[in-house]
Amino acid sequence: MLEPVGWRLSLAGSFLLGNWVGSFQLSVISYQLSVIGYQLSVTTSGRRWLKIRKILIFIKGRVDS
């Protein structure tokens, strides 16, 4: 159940970073981060993943504003 959420977050992150900067290198870095995020979402327990997700949403809010 957590897998699609992880993928959506990672795809959104990759797209936003790539779109915002237009830098290939940054999009590669964001892709690597998204893979790490996906692995975390698969391997960690639900409670830990929720904490990570809250942090990610907080960071995203800071970047957007």
PDB file of N, CA and C in Angstrom:
ATOM      1  N   MET A   1       0.821  -1.203   0.000  1.00  0.00           N
ATOM      2  CA  MET A   1       0.000   0.000   0.000  1.00  0.00           C
ATOM      3  C   MET A   1       0.861   1.261   0.000  1.00  0.00           C
ATOM      4  N   LEU A   2       2.030   1.189   0.648  1.00  0.00           N
ATOM      5  CA  LEU A   2       2.902   2.360   0.717  1.00  0.00           C
ATOM      6  C   LEU A   2       3.668   2.579  -0.581  1.00  0.00           C
ATOM      7  N   GLU A   3       3.830   1.536  -1.377  1.00  0.00           N
ATOM      8  CA  GLU A   3       4.650   1.652  -2.589  1.00  0.00           C
ATOM      9  C   GLU A   3       4.157   2.747  -3.539  1.00  0.00           C
ATOM     10  N   PRO A   4       2.857   2.778  -3.922  1.00  0.00           N
ATOM     11  CA  PRO A   4       2.427   3.826  -4.853  1.00  0.00           C
ATOM     12  C   PRO A   4       2.609   5.229  -4.278  1.00  0.00           C
ATOM     13  N   VAL A   5       2.430   5.376  -2.959  1.00  0.00           N
ATOM     14  CA  VAL A   5       2.629   6.686  -2.333  1.00  0.00           C
ATOM     15  C   VAL A   5       4.079   7.112  -2.492  1.00  0.00           C
ATOM     16  N   GLY A   6       4.988   6.186  -2.231  1.00  0.00           N
ATOM     17  CA  GLY A   6       6.413   6.481  -2.378  1.00  0.00           C
ATOM     18  C   GLY A   6       6.761   6.871  -3.801  1.00  0.00           C
ATOM     19  N   TRP A   7       6.201   6.139  -4.752  1.00  0.00           N
ATOM     20  CA  TRP A   7       6.482   6.442  -6.160  1.00  0.00           C
ATOM     21  C   TRP A   7       5.933   7.801  -6.552  1.00  0.00           C
ATOM     22  N   ARG A   8       4.715   8.121  -6.100  1.00  0.00           N
ATOM     23  CA  ARG A   8       4.125   9.419  -6.445  1.00  0.00           C
ATOM     24  C   ARG A   8       4.955  10.553  -5.875  1.00  0.00           C
ATOM     25  N   LEU A   9       5.374  10.404  -4.614  1.00  0.00           N
ATOM     26  CA  LEU A   9       6.210  11.432  -3.988  1.00  0.00           C
ATOM     27  C   LEU A   9       7.511  11.594  -4.748  1.00  0.00           C
ATOM     28  N   SER A  10       8.137  10.480  -5.084  1.00  0.00           N
ATOM     29  CA  SER A  10       9.445  10.550  -5.741  1.00  0.00           C
ATOM     30  C   SER A  10       9.315  11.135  -7.147  1.00  0.00           C
ATOM     31  N   LEU A  11       8.263  10.762  -7.868  1.00  0.00           N
ATOM     32  CA  LEU A  11       8.065  11.314  -9.210  1.00  0.00           C
ATOM     33  C   LEU A  11       7.790  12.810  -9.142  1.00  0.00           C
ATOM     34  N   ALA A  12       6.966  13.215  -8.177  1.00  0.00           N
ATOM     35  CA  ALA A  12       6.672  14.643  -8.019  1.00  0.00           C
ATOM     36  C   ALA A  12       7.942  15.403  -7.674  1.00  0.00           C
ATOM     37  N   GLY A  13       8.749  14.838  -6.783  1.00  0.00           N
ATOM     38  CA  GLY A  13      10.001  15.489  -6.402  1.00  0.00           C
ATOM     39  C   GLY A  13      10.944  15.623  -7.579  1.00  0.00           C
ATOM     40  N   SER A  14      11.081  14.556  -8.361  1.00  0.00           N
ATOM     41  CA  SER A  14      11.965  14.601  -9.528  1.00  0.00           C
ATOM     42  C   SER A  14      11.473  15.641 -10.528  1.00  0.00           C
ATOM     43  N   PHE A  15      10.172  15.662 -10.776  1.00  0.00           N
ATOM     44  CA  PHE A  15       9.617  16.594 -11.753  1.00  0.00           C
ATOM     45  C   PHE A  15       9.786  18.038 -11.296  1.00  0.00           C
ATOM     46  N   LEU A  16       9.454  18.304 -10.008  1.00  0.00           N
ATOM     47  CA  LEU A  16       9.550  19.671  -9.491  1.00  0.00           C
ATOM     48  C   LEU A  16      10.982  20.166  -9.530  1.00  0.00           C
ATOM     49  N   LEU A  17      11.928  19.336  -9.082  1.00  0.00           N
ATOM     50  CA  LEU A  17      13.331  19.752  -9.076  1.00  0.00           C
ATOM     51  C   LEU A  17      13.827  19.975 -10.498  1.00  0.00           C
ATOM     52  N   GLY A  18      13.525  19.031 -11.391  1.00  0.00           N
ATOM     53  CA  GLY A  18      13.973  19.155 -12.773  1.00  0.00           C
ATOM     54  C   GLY A  18      13.362  20.367 -13.459  1.00  0.00           C
ATOM     55  N   ASN A  19      12.082  20.615 -13.182  1.00  0.00           N
ATOM     56  CA  ASN A  19      11.378  21.737 -13.784  1.00  0.00           C
ATOM     57  C   ASN A  19      11.896  23.063 -13.244  1.00  0.00           C
ATOM     58  N   TRP A  20      12.116  23.105 -11.932  1.00  0.00           N
ATOM     59  CA  TRP A  20      12.489  24.333 -11.243  1.00  0.00           C
ATOM     60  C   TRP A  20      13.857  24.816 -11.703  1.00  0.00           C
ATOM     61  N   VAL A  21      14.804  23.912 -11.799  1.00  0.00           N
ATOM     62  CA  VAL A  21      16.177  24.298 -12.111  1.00  0.00           C
ATOM     63  C   VAL A  21      16.503  24.048 -13.580  1.00  0.00           C
ATOM     64  N   GLY A  22      15.925  22.998 -14.155  1.00  0.00           N
ATOM     65  CA  GLY A  22      16.250  22.657 -15.527  1.00  0.00           C
ATOM     66  C   GLY A  22      17.635  22.058 -15.646  1.00  0.00           C
ATOM     67  N   SER A  23      18.174  21.588 -14.537  1.00  0.00           N
ATOM     68  CA  SER A  23      19.530  21.045 -14.530  1.00  0.00           C
ATOM     69  C   SER A  23      19.479  19.527 -14.553  1.00  0.00           C
ATOM     70  N   PHE A  24      20.178  18.940 -15.498  1.00  0.00           N
ATOM     71  CA  PHE A  24      20.191  17.484 -15.615  1.00  0.00           C
ATOM     72  C   PHE A  24      20.804  16.851 -14.372  1.00  0.00           C
ATOM     73  N   GLN A  25      21.880  17.447 -13.878  1.00  0.00           N
ATOM     74  CA  GLN A  25      22.568  16.895 -12.718  1.00  0.00           C
ATOM     75  C   GLN A  25      21.639  16.852 -11.506  1.00  0.00           C
ATOM     76  N   LEU A  26      20.902  17.935 -11.283  1.00  0.00           N
ATOM     77  CA  LEU A  26      19.988  17.973 -10.143  1.00  0.00           C
ATOM     78  C   LEU A  26      18.877  16.947 -10.301  1.00  0.00           C
ATOM     79  N   SER A  27      18.403  16.753 -11.529  1.00  0.00           N
ATOM     80  CA  SER A  27      17.343  15.769 -11.728  1.00  0.00           C
ATOM     81  C   SER A  27      17.863  14.362 -11.447  1.00  0.00           C
ATOM     82  N   VAL A  28      19.146  14.119 -11.753  1.00  0.00           N
ATOM     83  CA  VAL A  28      19.742  12.819 -11.435  1.00  0.00           C
ATOM     84  C   VAL A  28      19.826  12.642  -9.927  1.00  0.00           C
ATOM     85  N   ILE A  29      20.267  13.699  -9.228  1.00  0.00           N
ATOM     86  CA  ILE A  29      20.363  13.634  -7.766  1.00  0.00           C
ATOM     87  C   ILE A  29      18.980  13.398  -7.162  1.00  0.00           C
ATOM     88  N   SER A  30      17.977  14.123  -7.650  1.00  0.00           N
ATOM     89  CA  SER A  30      16.632  13.962  -7.109  1.00  0.00           C
ATOM     90  C   SER A  30      16.101  12.561  -7.405  1.00  0.00           C
ATOM     91  N   TYR A  31      16.499  11.998  -8.549  1.00  0.00           N
ATOM     92  CA  TYR A  31      16.090  10.634  -8.866  1.00  0.00           C
ATOM     93  C   TYR A  31      16.711   9.652  -7.879  1.00  0.00           C
ATOM     94  N   GLN A  32      18.006   9.838  -7.581  1.00  0.00           N
ATOM     95  CA  GLN A  32      18.673   8.967  -6.614  1.00  0.00           C
ATOM     96  C   GLN A  32      18.007   9.080  -5.250  1.00  0.00           C
ATOM     97  N   LEU A  33      17.667  10.305  -4.847  1.00  0.00           N
ATOM     98  CA  LEU A  33      16.968  10.507  -3.579  1.00  0.00           C
ATOM     99  C   LEU A  33      15.618   9.803  -3.604  1.00  0.00           C
ATOM    100  N   SER A  34      14.932   9.859  -4.734  1.00  0.00           N
ATOM    101  CA  SER A  34      13.626   9.222  -4.833  1.00  0.00           C
ATOM    102  C   SER A  34      13.743   7.706  -4.712  1.00  0.00           C
ATOM    103  N   VAL A  35      14.832   7.146  -5.258  1.00  0.00           N
ATOM    104  CA  VAL A  35      15.053   5.704  -5.133  1.00  0.00           C
ATOM    105  C   VAL A  35      15.286   5.343  -3.672  1.00  0.00           C
ATOM    106  N   ILE A  36      16.087   6.165  -2.978  1.00  0.00           N
ATOM    107  CA  ILE A  36      16.323   5.938  -1.551  1.00  0.00           C
ATOM    108  C   ILE A  36      15.002   6.021  -0.790  1.00  0.00           C
ATOM    109  N   GLY A  37      14.194   7.035  -1.126  1.00  0.00           N
ATOM    110  CA  GLY A  37      12.897   7.188  -0.480  1.00  0.00           C
ATOM    111  C   GLY A  37      12.002   5.986  -0.723  1.00  0.00           C
ATOM    112  N   TYR A  38      12.045   5.463  -1.947  1.00  0.00           N
ATOM    113  CA  TYR A  38      11.240   4.290  -2.280  1.00  0.00           C
ATOM    114  C   TYR A  38      11.692   3.082  -1.467  1.00  0.00           C
ATOM    115  N   GLN A  39      13.010   2.878  -1.387  1.00  0.00           N
ATOM    116  CA  GLN A  39      13.534   1.755  -0.618  1.00  0.00           C
ATOM    117  C   GLN A  39      13.148   1.888   0.850  1.00  0.00           C
ATOM    118  N   LEU A  40      13.217   3.109   1.382  1.00  0.00           N
ATOM    119  CA  LEU A  40      12.809   3.345   2.767  1.00  0.00           C
ATOM    120  C   LEU A  40      11.344   2.985   2.952  1.00  0.00           C
ATOM    121  N   SER A  41      10.508   3.398   2.006  1.00  0.00           N
ATOM    122  CA  SER A  41       9.074   3.151   2.143  1.00  0.00           C
ATOM    123  C   SER A  41       8.773   1.658   2.117  1.00  0.00           C
ATOM    124  N   VAL A  42       9.603   0.905   1.403  1.00  0.00           N
ATOM    125  CA  VAL A  42       9.375  -0.539   1.321  1.00  0.00           C
ATOM    126  C   VAL A  42       9.908  -1.239   2.569  1.00  0.00           C
ATOM    127  N   THR A  43      11.086  -0.799   3.058  1.00  0.00           N
ATOM    128  CA  THR A  43      11.759  -1.566   4.104  1.00  0.00           C
ATOM    129  C   THR A  43      11.381  -1.140   5.514  1.00  0.00           C
ATOM    130  N   THR A  44      10.978   0.114   5.718  1.00  0.00           N
ATOM    131  CA  THR A  44      10.662   0.549   7.073  1.00  0.00           C
ATOM    132  C   THR A  44       9.242   0.178   7.434  1.00  0.00           C
ATOM    133  N   SER A  45       8.961   0.195   8.722  1.00  0.00           N
ATOM    134  CA  SER A  45       7.608  -0.080   9.186  1.00  0.00           C
ATOM    135  C   SER A  45       6.715   1.114   8.880  1.00  0.00           C
ATOM    136  N   GLY A  46       5.407   0.897   8.931  1.00  0.00           N
ATOM    137  CA  GLY A  46       4.457   1.949   8.595  1.00  0.00           C
ATOM    138  C   GLY A  46       4.625   3.188   9.450  1.00  0.00           C
ATOM    139  N   ARG A  47       4.861   3.001  10.736  1.00  0.00           N
ATOM    140  CA  ARG A  47       4.951   4.137  11.646  1.00  0.00           C
ATOM    141  C   ARG A  47       6.157   5.008  11.308  1.00  0.00           C
ATOM    142  N   ARG A  48       7.302   4.364  11.035  1.00  0.00           N
ATOM    143  CA  ARG A  48       8.507   5.109  10.686  1.00  0.00           C
ATOM    144  C   ARG A  48       8.317   5.831   9.364  1.00  0.00           C
ATOM    145  N   TRP A  49       7.668   5.180   8.407  1.00  0.00           N
ATOM    146  CA  TRP A  49       7.446   5.799   7.101  1.00  0.00           C
ATOM    147  C   TRP A  49       6.566   7.032   7.236  1.00  0.00           C
ATOM    148  N   LEU A  50       5.579   6.983   8.133  1.00  0.00           N
ATOM    149  CA  LEU A  50       4.717   8.143   8.337  1.00  0.00           C
ATOM    150  C   LEU A  50       5.522   9.325   8.855  1.00  0.00           C
ATOM    151  N   LYS A  51       6.479   9.060   9.756  1.00  0.00           N
ATOM    152  CA  LYS A  51       7.335  10.136  10.266  1.00  0.00           C
ATOM    153  C   LYS A  51       8.149  10.734   9.126  1.00  0.00           C
ATOM    154  N   ILE A  52       8.740   9.868   8.293  1.00  0.00           N
ATOM    155  CA  ILE A  52       9.550  10.341   7.165  1.00  0.00           C
ATOM    156  C   ILE A  52       8.677  11.167   6.221  1.00  0.00           C
ATOM    157  N   ARG A  53       7.453  10.690   5.999  1.00  0.00           N
ATOM    158  CA  ARG A  53       6.545  11.373   5.085  1.00  0.00           C
ATOM    159  C   ARG A  53       6.181  12.763   5.616  1.00  0.00           C
ATOM    160  N   LYS A  54       5.956  12.860   6.924  1.00  0.00           N
ATOM    161  CA  LYS A  54       5.652  14.167   7.518  1.00  0.00           C
ATOM    162  C   LYS A  54       6.805  15.129   7.306  1.00  0.00           C
ATOM    163  N   ILE A  55       8.033  14.644   7.471  1.00  0.00           N
ATOM    164  CA  ILE A  55       9.223  15.479   7.269  1.00  0.00           C
ATOM    165  C   ILE A  55       9.295  15.921   5.812  1.00  0.00           C
ATOM    166  N   LEU A  56       9.051  14.984   4.880  1.00  0.00           N
ATOM    167  CA  LEU A  56       9.103  15.312   3.453  1.00  0.00           C
ATOM    168  C   LEU A  56       8.062  16.369   3.094  1.00  0.00           C
ATOM    169  N   ILE A  57       6.851  16.217   3.640  1.00  0.00           N
ATOM    170  CA  ILE A  57       5.792  17.185   3.362  1.00  0.00           C
ATOM    171  C   ILE A  57       6.174  18.547   3.927  1.00  0.00           C
ATOM    172  N   PHE A  58       6.794  18.557   5.121  1.00  0.00           N
ATOM    173  CA  PHE A  58       7.242  19.812   5.730  1.00  0.00           C
ATOM    174  C   PHE A  58       8.287  20.488   4.853  1.00  0.00           C
ATOM    175  N   ILE A  59       9.258  19.702   4.376  1.00  0.00           N
ATOM    176  CA  ILE A  59      10.315  20.250   3.517  1.00  0.00           C
ATOM    177  C   ILE A  59       9.706  20.785   2.223  1.00  0.00           C
ATOM    178  N   LYS A  60       8.776  20.028   1.637  1.00  0.00           N
ATOM    179  CA  LYS A  60       8.140  20.450   0.393  1.00  0.00           C
ATOM    180  C   LYS A  60       7.406  21.770   0.598  1.00  0.00           C
ATOM    181  N   GLY A  61       6.733  21.922   1.739  1.00  0.00           N
ATOM    182  CA  GLY A  61       6.042  23.166   2.047  1.00  0.00           C
ATOM    183  C   GLY A  61       7.011  24.337   2.131  1.00  0.00           C
ATOM    184  N   ARG A  62       8.186  24.095   2.711  1.00  0.00           N
ATOM    185  CA  ARG A  62       9.191  25.158   2.824  1.00  0.00           C
ATOM    186  C   ARG A  62       9.712  25.558   1.441  1.00  0.00           C
ATOM    187  N   VAL A  63       9.904  24.565   0.565  1.00  0.00           N
ATOM    188  CA  VAL A  63      10.430  24.839  -0.776  1.00  0.00           C
ATOM    189  C   VAL A  63       9.398  25.610  -1.600  1.00  0.00           C
ATOM    190  N   ASP A  64       8.127  25.225  -1.474  1.00  0.00           N
ATOM    191  CA  ASP A  64       7.076  25.861  -2.267  1.00  0.00           C
ATOM    192  C   ASP A  64       6.877  27.325  -1.900  1.00  0.00           C
ATOM    193  N   SER A  65       7.053  27.671  -0.618  1.00  0.00           N
ATOM    194  CA  SER A  65       6.747  29.034  -0.172  1.00  0.00           C
ATOM    195  C   SER A  65       7.913  29.986  -0.330  1.00  0.00           C
TER     196      SER A  65
END
